Structures are given as structure tokens and as C-alpha cells.
C-alpha atoms as a PDB file:
ATOM      1  CA  UNK A   1      58.323 230.786  -4.197  1.00  0.00           C
ATOM      2  CA  UNK A   2      58.664 228.150  -6.381  1.00  0.00           C
ATOM      3  CA  UNK A   3      57.874 224.744  -6.655  1.00  0.00           C
ATOM      4  CA  UNK A   4      60.183 222.425  -6.636  1.00  0.00           C
ATOM      5  CA  UNK A   5      60.916 220.020  -9.986  1.00  0.00           C
ATOM      6  CA  UNK A   6      61.045 216.182  -9.227  1.00  0.00           C
ATOM      7  CA  UNK A   7      60.909 213.321 -11.755  1.00  0.00           C
ATOM      8  CA  UNK A   8      60.164 209.906  -9.265  1.00  0.00           C
ATOM      9  CA  UNK A   9      58.858 206.696 -10.590  1.00  0.00           C
ATOM     10  CA  UNK A  10      54.985 205.114 -10.817  1.00  0.00           C
ATOM     11  CA  UNK A  11      55.948 202.869  -7.915  1.00  0.00           C
ATOM     12  CA  UNK A  12      56.892 205.231  -6.007  1.00  0.00           C
ATOM     13  CA  UNK A  13      54.506 208.320  -6.057  1.00  0.00           C
ATOM     14  CA  UNK A  14      52.755 209.069  -2.656  1.00  0.00           C
ATOM     15  CA  UNK A  15      49.214 209.710  -1.564  1.00  0.00           C
ATOM     16  CA  UNK A  16      48.994 213.113  -2.352  1.00  0.00           C
ATOM     17  CA  UNK A  17      51.100 213.212  -5.562  1.00  0.00           C
ATOM     18  CA  UNK A  18      48.215 209.383  -6.971  1.00  0.00           C
ATOM     19  CA  UNK A  19      45.224 211.938  -5.341  1.00  0.00           C
ATOM     20  CA  UNK A  20      46.790 214.959  -7.249  1.00  0.00           C
ATOM     21  CA  UNK A  21      46.991 212.039 -10.697  1.00  0.00           C
ATOM     22  CA  UNK A  22      43.749 210.635 -10.007  1.00  0.00           C
ATOM     23  CA  UNK A  23      42.568 214.198 -10.193  1.00  0.00           C
ATOM     24  CA  UNK A  24      43.821 215.827 -13.066  1.00  0.00           C
ATOM     25  CA  UNK A  25      43.430 212.305 -15.470  1.00  0.00           C
ATOM     26  CA  UNK A  26      40.051 211.270 -14.402  1.00  0.00           C
ATOM     27  CA  UNK A  27      40.097 208.330 -17.253  1.00  0.00           C
ATOM     28  CA  UNK A  28      43.444 207.252 -17.367  1.00  0.00           C
ATOM     29  CA  UNK A  29      46.328 208.936 -18.427  1.00  0.00           C
ATOM     30  CA  UNK A  30      47.714 206.107 -20.868  1.00  0.00           C
ATOM     31  CA  UNK A  31      46.479 209.540 -23.864  1.00  0.00           C
ATOM     32  CA  UNK A  32      49.027 212.126 -22.268  1.00  0.00           C
ATOM     33  CA  UNK A  33      52.468 209.862 -21.375  1.00  0.00           C
ATOM     34  CA  UNK A  34      55.497 211.639 -23.100  1.00  0.00           C
ATOM     35  CA  UNK A  35      58.067 210.570 -24.071  1.00  0.00           C
ATOM     36  CA  UNK A  36      61.207 212.696 -22.327  1.00  0.00           C
ATOM     37  CA  UNK A  37      64.738 212.318 -24.117  1.00  0.00           C
ATOM     38  CA  UNK A  38      67.495 212.195 -21.705  1.00  0.00           C
ATOM     39  CA  UNK A  39      71.252 212.201 -22.068  1.00  0.00           C
ATOM     40  CA  UNK A  40      72.346 210.254 -25.821  1.00  0.00           C
ATOM     41  CA  UNK A  41      70.135 208.130 -27.094  1.00  0.00           C
ATOM     42  CA  UNK A  42      68.227 207.145 -23.615  1.00  0.00           C
ATOM     43  CA  UNK A  43      64.883 208.314 -22.712  1.00  0.00           C
ATOM     44  CA  UNK A  44      61.898 207.041 -20.298  1.00  0.00           C
ATOM     45  CA  UNK A  45      57.725 207.651 -20.382  1.00  0.00           C
ATOM     46  CA  UNK A  46      56.354 210.407 -18.398  1.00  0.00           C
ATOM     47  CA  UNK A  47      52.861 211.836 -16.712  1.00  0.00           C
ATOM     48  CA  UNK A  48      53.093 215.474 -15.432  1.00  0.00           C
ATOM     49  CA  UNK A  49      51.630 216.149 -12.473  1.00  0.00           C
ATOM     50  CA  UNK A  50      51.154 219.547 -10.007  1.00  0.00           C
ATOM     51  CA  UNK A  51      51.207 219.587  -5.648  1.00  0.00           C
ATOM     52  CA  UNK A  52      50.672 222.945  -3.944  1.00  0.00           C
ATOM     53  CA  UNK A  53      54.889 222.303  -3.390  1.00  0.00           C
ATOM     54  CA  UNK A  54      56.342 220.573  -6.125  1.00  0.00           C
ATOM     55  CA  UNK A  55      55.956 219.833 -10.194  1.00  0.00           C
ATOM     56  CA  UNK A  56      56.236 216.283 -10.702  1.00  0.00           C
ATOM     57  CA  UNK A  57      57.441 213.817 -14.444  1.00  0.00           C
ATOM     58  CA  UNK A  58      56.074 210.963 -13.034  1.00  0.00           C
ATOM     59  CA  UNK A  59      57.780 207.705 -14.908  1.00  0.00           C
ATOM     60  CA  UNK A  60      55.101 205.179 -15.835  1.00  0.00           C
ATOM     61  CA  UNK A  61      55.142 202.189 -17.486  1.00  0.00           C
ATOM     62  CA  UNK A  62      54.442 201.715 -21.264  1.00  0.00           C
ATOM     63  CA  UNK A  63      53.338 198.929 -23.311  1.00  0.00           C
ATOM     64  CA  UNK A  64      54.927 198.981 -26.894  1.00  0.00           C
ATOM     65  CA  UNK A  65      52.381 197.103 -28.761  1.00  0.00           C
ATOM     66  CA  UNK A  66      54.253 194.487 -30.721  1.00  0.00           C
ATOM     67  CA  UNK A  67      52.121 191.809 -32.333  1.00  0.00           C
ATOM     68  CA  UNK A  68      51.890 193.624 -35.379  1.00  0.00           C
ATOM     69  CA  UNK A  69      53.798 193.446 -38.583  1.00  0.00           C
ATOM     70  CA  UNK A  70      57.496 194.116 -37.816  1.00  0.00           C
ATOM     71  CA  UNK A  71      58.496 196.905 -40.305  1.00  0.00           C
ATOM     72  CA  UNK A  72      60.217 195.674 -43.340  1.00  0.00           C
ATOM     73  CA  UNK A  73      56.845 193.268 -43.474  1.00  0.00           C
ATOM     74  CA  UNK A  74      54.873 196.392 -42.859  1.00  0.00           C
ATOM     75  CA  UNK A  75      57.042 198.588 -45.538  1.00  0.00           C
ATOM     76  CA  UNK A  76      57.407 195.246 -48.181  1.00  0.00           C
ATOM     77  CA  UNK A  77      53.195 195.221 -48.094  1.00  0.00           C
ATOM     78  CA  UNK A  78      52.560 199.380 -48.747  1.00  0.00           C
ATOM     79  CA  UNK A  79      55.002 198.721 -51.608  1.00  0.00           C
ATOM     80  CA  UNK A  80      53.349 195.815 -53.114  1.00  0.00           C
ATOM     81  CA  UNK A  81      49.531 198.138 -52.747  1.00  0.00           C
ATOM     82  CA  UNK A  82      51.906 201.055 -54.386  1.00  0.00           C
ATOM     83  CA  UNK A  83      52.632 198.631 -57.526  1.00  0.00           C
ATOM     84  CA  UNK A  84      49.097 196.521 -57.453  1.00  0.00           C
ATOM     85  CA  UNK A  85      47.841 200.687 -57.390  1.00  0.00           C
ATOM     86  CA  UNK A  86      50.285 201.825 -60.796  1.00  0.00           C
ATOM     87  CA  UNK A  87      49.546 198.605 -62.678  1.00  0.00           C
ATOM     88  CA  UNK A  88      45.589 198.791 -62.547  1.00  0.00           C
ATOM     89  CA  UNK A  89      46.512 202.447 -63.951  1.00  0.00           C
ATOM     90  CA  UNK A  90      48.872 201.996 -66.686  1.00  0.00           C
ATOM     91  CA  UNK A  91      45.892 199.327 -67.682  1.00  0.00           C
ATOM     92  CA  UNK A  92      43.238 201.874 -67.913  1.00  0.00           C
ATOM     93  CA  UNK A  93      45.718 204.371 -69.371  1.00  0.00           C
ATOM     94  CA  UNK A  94      46.226 201.494 -72.269  1.00  0.00           C
ATOM     95  CA  UNK A  95      42.899 200.827 -72.454  1.00  0.00           C
ATOM     96  CA  UNK A  96      41.665 203.667 -73.478  1.00  0.00           C
ATOM     97  CA  UNK A  97      44.467 204.110 -75.597  1.00  0.00           C
ATOM     98  CA  UNK A  98      43.104 201.433 -78.042  1.00  0.00           C
END
């Protein structure tokens, strides 16, 4: 018999599924979260867990770190570092030629 394939929210899991999660991820599931794409540009994050009767995709909440630099600032900083490295290399080459 083939197992059912179900998608459920972490907030709605049964005691049986919660026990299966604890057994499969004894140290936590943080490093096992997958991104599941749906129609269009929508997506959700989930973990997988199996019981005797079903295979589950369990939707889990994910906290995204927003404390770092935004993308534009990070790109500007990277470009500045590359320019500084190129200037050092150019200065070294000029000194060798003299």
C-alpha cells in the first residue's frame, strides 16, 4: 500500500507526527529546511517526515536575518574592496618597473 502524501502546518501536527519529527531531527530541523515552490513566485519552507501511514511536508516558520547589510550596500562594499586590491596591485607593478 502506498503512503499518503500530505502537506501540513507545523502548528497543526498531531502527536504522532510531532514524535516522528523529534526522532528524525533530535538536534533540531534548522539545517534541514527546504524551500518548496508553488504556483507563480510563491513558496514556503518545510521539512520532511514519514510515519507508517503517510509522508508529510511540514510547513515551518523561518526567520530571515535582516540585521546585515542590504544587497546594495554589500555590493558597494565588495566593489570597493576589489578596487583597493587592484590599486595595490597597480602600485606594486609600477614600483617594480622603476
